[in-house]
């Protein structure tokens, strides 16, 4: 199905012309709405899917939570996450937890997002912490950013990309001493690959 925002109407027409609509086609429609920021329509599509007797799977829930995330529908997103396990017995996977963290982070609920990560039954991966860290940068949240940065460095002690992410956040927050400390740490670890990051800009700010 067509999923780009410019072809959303085409996607809808194709869906409506389908004789058999299963969980895959419904999920594609929900995902298309979500990608285009049409969260309310995505929720209605999910409800229509349920009404037809089609049972949502883990991908359908991922699509609807994603749609909520990109439309600021925090309470709805959390409700669908809760329904997964309680009502449909669908066990949340790492990607569902990541989507909820993104849902909370996009709405500026950073402390709640951090608390949510700590309640996860599995260890959060770097992508989840990275999502929260990026939100901290956008919101100027220094305290939580410090906690999250430590987690990311511990999880990815030899991943240059995540070290650069942490450095960028410190730079955005004006923590130039932290940026220099991270540079020294990277050198000590032998992380010599240097993605596009302006250390000259750091020196100017310092």
Protein backbone atom coordinates (compact mmCIF):
# COMPACT_ATOMS: atom_id res chain seq x y z
CA UNK A 1 0.00 0.00 0.00
CA UNK A 2 1.01 3.59 -0.54
CA UNK A 3 2.18 5.15 2.71
CA UNK A 4 3.68 8.56 1.91
CA UNK A 5 1.61 11.53 3.02
CA UNK A 6 1.27 12.80 -0.53
CA UNK A 7 -0.44 9.57 -1.54
CA UNK A 8 -2.53 8.96 1.55
CA UNK A 9 -5.79 9.29 -0.38
CA UNK A 10 -4.56 6.69 -2.85
CA UNK A 11 -3.69 4.41 0.04
CA UNK A 12 -7.20 4.78 1.43
CA UNK A 13 -8.83 4.06 -1.94
CA UNK A 14 -6.72 0.95 -2.43
CA UNK A 15 -7.68 -0.25 1.04
CA UNK A 16 -11.39 0.36 0.46
CA UNK A 17 -11.31 -1.60 -2.80
CA UNK A 18 -9.82 -4.67 -1.15
CA UNK A 19 -12.29 -7.52 -0.91
CA UNK A 20 -10.52 -9.18 2.01
CA UNK A 21 -9.14 -6.96 4.75
CA UNK A 22 -6.88 -8.80 7.18
CA UNK A 23 -4.63 -7.59 9.99
CA UNK A 24 -1.84 -6.81 7.51
CA UNK A 25 -3.95 -4.47 5.37
CA UNK A 26 -5.51 -2.80 8.41
CA UNK A 27 -2.07 -2.28 9.92
CA UNK A 28 -0.86 -0.72 6.67
CA UNK A 29 -3.75 1.76 6.78
CA UNK A 30 -3.14 2.60 10.44
CA UNK A 31 0.55 3.05 9.72
CA UNK A 32 -0.20 5.34 6.77
CA UNK A 33 -2.37 7.56 8.95
CA UNK A 34 0.29 7.60 11.66
CA UNK A 35 3.07 8.54 9.27
CA UNK A 36 1.02 11.50 8.07
CA UNK A 37 0.21 12.71 11.59
CA UNK A 38 -3.44 11.66 11.36
CA UNK A 39 -3.54 10.09 14.80
CA UNK A 40 -7.29 10.34 15.34
CA UNK A 41 -7.98 8.63 12.03
CA UNK A 42 -5.48 5.92 12.92
CA UNK A 43 -7.36 5.28 16.16
CA UNK A 44 -10.67 5.07 14.32
CA UNK A 45 -9.17 2.63 11.84
CA UNK A 46 -7.93 0.46 14.71
CA UNK A 47 -11.41 0.48 16.26
CA UNK A 48 -13.00 -0.42 12.92
CA UNK A 49 -10.55 -3.29 12.57
CA UNK A 50 -11.58 -4.61 15.97
CA UNK A 51 -15.25 -4.19 15.11
CA UNK A 52 -14.85 -6.40 12.05
CA UNK A 53 -13.46 -9.17 14.22
CA UNK A 54 -9.86 -8.88 13.05
CA UNK A 55 -7.51 -9.42 15.97
CA UNK A 56 -4.59 -6.97 16.21
CA UNK A 57 -1.10 -8.42 16.38
CA UNK A 58 2.15 -6.91 17.64
CA UNK A 59 2.64 -4.92 14.42
CA UNK A 60 -0.85 -3.44 14.59
CA UNK A 61 -0.22 -2.25 18.13
CA UNK A 62 3.14 -0.84 17.12
CA UNK A 63 1.47 1.10 14.30
CA UNK A 64 -1.25 2.59 16.50
CA UNK A 65 1.15 3.56 19.31
CA UNK A 66 3.41 5.13 16.70
CA UNK A 67 0.44 7.09 15.37
CA UNK A 68 -0.33 8.32 18.88
CA UNK A 69 3.30 9.33 19.34
CA UNK A 70 3.33 11.47 16.21
CA UNK A 71 0.03 13.16 17.05
CA UNK A 72 0.59 13.89 20.74
CA UNK A 73 -2.07 11.41 21.87
CA UNK A 74 -0.24 10.33 25.00
CA UNK A 75 -3.13 8.89 26.99
CA UNK A 76 -4.42 6.94 24.01
CA UNK A 77 -0.98 5.55 23.27
CA UNK A 78 -0.50 4.40 26.85
CA UNK A 79 -3.97 2.86 26.84
CA UNK A 80 -3.24 0.81 23.73
CA UNK A 81 0.07 -0.33 25.19
CA UNK A 82 -1.80 -1.47 28.29
CA UNK A 83 -4.46 -3.28 26.23
CA UNK A 84 -1.86 -5.29 24.36
CA UNK A 85 -1.09 -7.62 27.21
CA UNK A 86 -4.20 -7.31 29.36
CA UNK A 87 -6.86 -7.71 26.67
CA UNK A 88 -5.15 -9.40 23.72
CA UNK A 89 -2.35 -11.27 25.50
CA UNK A 90 0.19 -9.78 23.10
CA UNK A 91 3.53 -9.54 24.86
CA UNK A 92 5.19 -6.15 24.29
CA UNK A 93 8.55 -6.32 22.53
CA UNK A 94 11.51 -3.97 22.67
CA UNK A 95 10.11 -1.92 19.79
CA UNK A 96 6.84 -1.33 21.66
CA UNK A 97 8.70 -0.04 24.71
CA UNK A 98 10.80 2.16 22.44
CA UNK A 99 7.65 3.58 20.87
CA UNK A 100 6.17 4.41 24.28
CA UNK A 101 9.39 6.16 25.31
CA UNK A 102 9.19 8.17 22.09
CA UNK A 103 5.52 8.90 22.82
CA UNK A 104 6.34 10.34 26.23
CA UNK A 105 9.53 12.08 25.11
CA UNK A 106 7.87 13.87 22.20
CA UNK A 107 5.34 15.31 24.62
CA UNK A 108 8.04 16.55 27.00
CA UNK A 109 7.23 13.98 29.68
CA UNK A 110 10.90 13.16 30.16
CA UNK A 111 10.82 12.10 33.81
CA UNK A 112 7.90 9.80 33.07
CA UNK A 113 9.78 8.38 30.10
CA UNK A 114 12.83 7.65 32.25
CA UNK A 115 10.67 6.00 34.91
CA UNK A 116 8.99 3.91 32.22
CA UNK A 117 12.38 2.67 30.98
CA UNK A 118 13.28 1.54 34.49
CA UNK A 119 10.08 -0.55 34.67
CA UNK A 120 10.87 -2.49 31.50
CA UNK A 121 11.18 -6.26 31.99
CA UNK A 122 14.20 -6.32 29.67
CA UNK A 123 17.26 -4.10 29.59
CA UNK A 124 16.67 -1.04 27.45
CA UNK A 125 18.93 -0.81 24.42
CA UNK A 126 20.82 2.25 23.26
CA UNK A 127 18.14 3.30 20.78
CA UNK A 128 15.66 3.74 23.62
CA UNK A 129 18.07 5.75 25.75
CA UNK A 130 19.08 7.70 22.65
CA UNK A 131 15.48 8.69 21.97
CA UNK A 132 15.16 10.07 25.48
CA UNK A 133 18.54 11.81 25.28
CA UNK A 134 17.56 13.59 22.06
CA UNK A 135 14.38 14.79 23.76
CA UNK A 136 16.45 16.06 26.69
CA UNK A 137 18.51 18.12 24.27
CA UNK A 138 15.40 19.59 22.64
CA UNK A 139 13.87 20.45 26.00
CA UNK A 140 17.07 21.65 27.70
CA UNK A 141 16.70 19.02 30.42
CA UNK A 142 20.16 18.74 31.98
CA UNK A 143 19.52 16.50 34.98
CA UNK A 144 17.89 13.65 33.09
CA UNK A 145 20.37 14.08 30.23
CA UNK A 146 23.22 13.39 32.65
CA UNK A 147 21.62 10.11 33.81
CA UNK A 148 20.83 9.01 30.28
CA UNK A 149 24.29 9.86 28.96
CA UNK A 150 25.86 7.59 31.55
CA UNK A 151 23.57 4.74 30.52
CA UNK A 152 24.40 5.18 26.83
CA UNK A 153 28.16 5.24 27.39
CA UNK A 154 27.96 2.14 29.59
CA UNK A 155 25.89 0.25 27.02
CA UNK A 156 28.05 1.28 24.08
CA UNK A 157 31.55 1.69 25.43
CA UNK A 158 33.07 1.15 21.97
CA UNK A 159 30.37 2.68 19.74
CA UNK A 160 31.69 5.98 18.41
CA UNK A 161 28.28 7.10 17.17
CA UNK A 162 26.66 7.07 20.58
CA UNK A 163 29.62 8.86 22.15
CA UNK A 164 29.21 11.57 19.54
CA UNK A 165 25.49 11.75 20.36
CA UNK A 166 26.30 12.30 24.02
CA UNK A 167 28.88 14.94 23.10
CA UNK A 168 26.38 16.74 20.90
CA UNK A 169 23.85 16.85 23.72
CA UNK A 170 26.43 18.22 26.14
CA UNK A 171 27.35 20.84 23.53
CA UNK A 172 23.70 21.81 23.01
CA UNK A 173 23.35 22.24 26.77
CA UNK A 174 26.50 24.35 26.93
CA UNK A 175 28.41 21.79 28.99
CA UNK A 176 31.74 22.29 27.25
CA UNK A 177 33.76 20.76 30.07
CA UNK A 178 31.72 17.58 29.59
CA UNK A 179 32.34 17.69 25.85
CA UNK A 180 36.09 17.89 26.37
CA UNK A 181 35.91 15.09 28.92
CA UNK A 182 34.07 12.93 26.38
CA UNK A 183 36.73 13.71 23.76
CA UNK A 184 39.46 12.56 26.14
CA UNK A 185 37.45 9.45 27.02
CA UNK A 186 37.08 8.60 23.33
CA UNK A 187 40.81 8.97 22.74
CA UNK A 188 41.58 6.76 25.73
CA UNK A 189 39.22 4.11 24.31
CA UNK A 190 40.88 4.33 20.93
CA UNK A 191 37.72 5.58 19.27
CA UNK A 192 39.44 7.45 16.47
CA UNK A 193 36.67 7.44 13.88
CA UNK A 194 35.22 10.94 13.95
CA UNK A 195 31.73 11.42 12.43
CA UNK A 196 30.76 14.91 11.30
CA UNK A 197 31.13 16.82 14.53
CA UNK A 198 32.69 20.25 14.86
CA UNK A 199 35.31 20.23 17.58
CA UNK A 200 36.42 23.67 16.34
CA UNK A 201 32.99 24.92 17.31
CA UNK A 202 33.59 23.52 20.77
CA UNK A 203 36.89 25.37 21.05
CA UNK A 204 35.18 28.61 20.05
CA UNK A 205 32.55 28.11 22.71
CA UNK A 206 35.06 27.06 25.37
